[in-house]
Protein backbone atom coordinates (compact mmCIF):
# COMPACT_ATOMS: atom_id res chain seq x y z
CA UNK A 1 98.43 114.36 100.45
CA UNK A 2 96.54 113.21 97.04
CA UNK A 3 93.45 111.32 98.32
CA UNK A 4 91.01 112.67 100.47
CA UNK A 5 87.99 110.87 101.33
CA UNK A 6 85.21 112.45 103.40
CA UNK A 7 83.45 110.01 105.29
CA UNK A 8 80.24 110.40 107.59
CA UNK A 9 76.81 109.77 107.87
CA UNK A 10 73.91 110.83 105.33
CA UNK A 11 73.82 114.45 106.01
CA UNK A 12 76.99 115.41 107.62
CA UNK A 13 77.93 117.36 104.42
CA UNK A 14 80.44 115.51 102.79
CA UNK A 15 79.29 116.41 99.39
CA UNK A 16 78.49 120.33 99.95
CA UNK A 17 82.03 120.39 102.30
CA UNK A 18 83.71 118.28 99.80
CA UNK A 19 82.82 120.42 96.76
CA UNK A 20 83.91 123.37 98.38
CA UNK A 21 87.30 121.93 99.55
CA UNK A 22 88.21 120.50 96.33
CA UNK A 23 87.95 124.35 95.06
CA UNK A 24 90.19 125.75 97.82
CA UNK A 25 92.99 122.88 97.27
CA UNK A 26 92.25 123.25 93.56
CA UNK A 27 91.69 119.43 93.18
CA UNK A 28 89.16 117.25 91.18
CA UNK A 29 86.15 116.51 93.40
CA UNK A 30 84.56 112.71 93.18
CA UNK A 31 81.06 112.10 94.50
CA UNK A 32 80.98 108.23 94.63
CA UNK A 33 77.25 108.34 94.97
CA UNK A 34 77.39 109.90 91.70
CA UNK A 35 80.16 107.69 90.21
CA UNK A 36 77.76 104.74 91.06
CA UNK A 37 74.70 106.31 89.59
CA UNK A 38 76.63 107.15 86.50
CA UNK A 39 78.01 103.67 86.32
CA UNK A 40 74.78 101.80 86.58
CA UNK A 41 72.81 104.46 84.40
CA UNK A 42 70.14 104.32 87.75
CA UNK A 43 69.50 106.47 90.29
CA UNK A 44 70.64 105.09 93.79
CA UNK A 45 66.86 104.27 94.79
CA UNK A 46 66.32 102.41 91.55
CA UNK A 47 69.33 100.42 92.10
CA UNK A 48 68.03 99.59 95.56
CA UNK A 49 64.76 98.98 94.58
CA UNK A 50 65.91 97.03 91.19
CA UNK A 51 69.03 95.15 92.36
CA UNK A 52 69.30 95.24 95.96
CA UNK A 53 71.52 96.63 98.81
CA UNK A 54 74.32 93.77 98.52
CA UNK A 55 74.58 94.71 94.21
CA UNK A 56 74.86 98.38 95.46
CA UNK A 57 77.47 97.50 97.65
CA UNK A 58 79.34 95.61 95.76
CA UNK A 59 79.41 98.16 93.21
CA UNK A 60 80.15 100.41 95.65
CA UNK A 61 83.26 98.89 96.81
CA UNK A 62 84.49 98.07 93.22
CA UNK A 63 84.13 101.53 92.27
CA UNK A 64 85.83 102.98 95.95
CA UNK A 65 88.71 100.46 95.19
CA UNK A 66 89.28 101.72 91.29
CA UNK A 67 89.15 105.32 92.64
CA UNK A 68 91.46 104.44 95.41
CA UNK A 69 94.00 102.67 93.45
CA UNK A 70 94.12 105.25 90.60
CA UNK A 71 97.08 107.87 90.01
CA UNK A 72 94.86 110.73 90.58
CA UNK A 73 94.88 113.39 93.28
CA UNK A 74 91.17 113.91 94.29
CA UNK A 75 88.82 114.69 97.53
CA UNK A 76 85.91 112.17 97.51
CA UNK A 77 82.44 112.12 99.08
CA UNK A 78 82.17 108.55 100.04
CA UNK A 79 78.53 107.34 100.41
CA UNK A 80 77.49 106.86 104.08
CA UNK A 81 78.16 103.04 104.25
CA UNK A 82 81.25 103.21 101.92
CA UNK A 83 83.50 102.83 104.84
CA UNK A 84 81.46 100.35 106.25
CA UNK A 85 81.09 97.29 103.95
CA UNK A 86 84.23 95.12 101.89
CA UNK A 87 86.44 96.89 104.15
CA UNK A 88 86.17 100.41 102.75
CA UNK A 89 87.55 102.04 105.64
CA UNK A 90 90.60 100.43 105.23
CA UNK A 91 91.36 100.59 101.44
CA UNK A 92 90.50 104.52 102.16
CA UNK A 93 92.73 104.70 105.08
CA UNK A 94 95.80 102.65 103.06
CA UNK A 95 95.23 104.98 99.79
CA UNK A 96 95.06 108.73 101.49
CA UNK A 97 93.64 110.29 104.16
CA UNK A 98 89.94 109.93 105.77
CA UNK A 99 88.45 112.41 107.24
CA UNK A 100 85.45 111.54 109.68
CA UNK A 101 82.76 114.33 109.25
CA UNK A 102 81.42 113.75 112.98
CA UNK A 103 77.77 115.35 112.94
CA UNK A 104 75.36 115.66 115.69
CA UNK A 105 72.08 113.54 115.68
CA UNK A 106 69.96 116.65 115.17
CA UNK A 107 71.86 117.89 112.26
CA UNK A 108 71.93 114.84 110.61
CA UNK A 109 67.70 114.60 111.10
CA UNK A 110 67.51 117.98 109.72
CA UNK A 111 69.24 117.54 106.81
CA UNK A 112 68.04 114.34 105.78
CA UNK A 113 64.77 114.93 106.30
CA UNK A 114 64.87 117.73 103.37
CA UNK A 115 66.34 115.10 101.13
CA UNK A 116 63.81 112.04 100.38
CA UNK A 117 66.14 109.99 98.30
CA UNK A 118 67.91 108.07 100.74
CA UNK A 119 66.62 104.63 100.27
CA UNK A 120 67.66 103.60 104.09
CA UNK A 121 66.12 106.13 105.79
CA UNK A 122 62.70 106.30 104.28
CA UNK A 123 60.57 107.29 107.39
CA UNK A 124 56.70 108.03 108.00
CA UNK A 125 57.54 111.15 110.29
CA UNK A 126 60.52 112.89 111.90
CA UNK A 127 60.51 110.47 114.91
CA UNK A 128 61.21 107.32 112.95
CA UNK A 129 63.34 108.97 110.95
CA UNK A 130 65.44 110.22 114.03
CA UNK A 131 65.04 106.46 115.39
CA UNK A 132 66.96 105.04 112.35
CA UNK A 133 69.70 107.69 112.15
CA UNK A 134 70.33 107.24 115.53
CA UNK A 135 70.45 103.30 114.80
CA UNK A 136 72.46 103.75 111.91
CA UNK A 137 74.91 105.87 113.53
CA UNK A 138 75.16 103.81 116.43
CA UNK A 139 76.65 100.64 113.82
CA UNK A 140 78.54 103.19 111.79
CA UNK A 141 80.33 105.47 114.16
CA UNK A 142 82.99 102.95 115.42
CA UNK A 143 84.01 102.36 111.85
CA UNK A 144 84.09 106.02 111.04
CA UNK A 145 86.29 106.70 113.99
CA UNK A 146 88.63 104.54 112.46
CA UNK A 147 89.59 107.53 110.19
CA UNK A 148 92.86 109.28 110.19
CA UNK A 149 91.03 112.55 111.66
CA UNK A 150 87.79 113.38 113.32
CA UNK A 151 86.14 116.46 113.26
CA UNK A 152 83.05 117.82 114.77
CA UNK A 153 80.65 119.55 112.23
CA UNK A 154 83.65 121.07 110.38
CA UNK A 155 83.77 123.97 108.43
CA UNK A 156 85.98 123.84 105.39
CA UNK A 157 89.01 126.02 106.95
CA UNK A 158 88.60 123.17 109.82
CA UNK A 159 89.19 120.60 107.29
CA UNK A 160 92.39 122.16 105.98
CA UNK A 161 93.65 123.34 109.62
CA UNK A 162 93.53 119.61 110.50
CA UNK A 163 95.31 118.64 107.30
CA UNK A 164 98.22 120.49 108.13
CA UNK A 165 98.76 119.28 111.23
């Protein structure tokens, strides 16, 4: 298994678990959002503000496809929307193993309220944030569930075990 794509909502732990998993498996770790920022020489909030979400999704798709078609082994933390636009989930499923980090709404709220740099989750208060997350989760969950593996709030050990099945 050479390519592992971690998918899930913002705050589901894709980057945190991905880094640890990459260490455990001695693989490269790729954070798709960081790749986009490097490619564009702008932060994601700035890309959204200056060029818009459609432009961002085009760049995201281009870089996802580039990595997916590469000959490299890696663990990738995708952006929360990467599977949901331009057939991203299909690209990942065709080129590696997708793992959905299924995370409760309560955990997502707690984690994302501490990180104010998520353009689609800008909210006045926790109630508005919860409502935005709930709506986004309802839209994205059916796409995330097309992943090869779905794990509810996993640890690195849970992910490793699931890959051995």
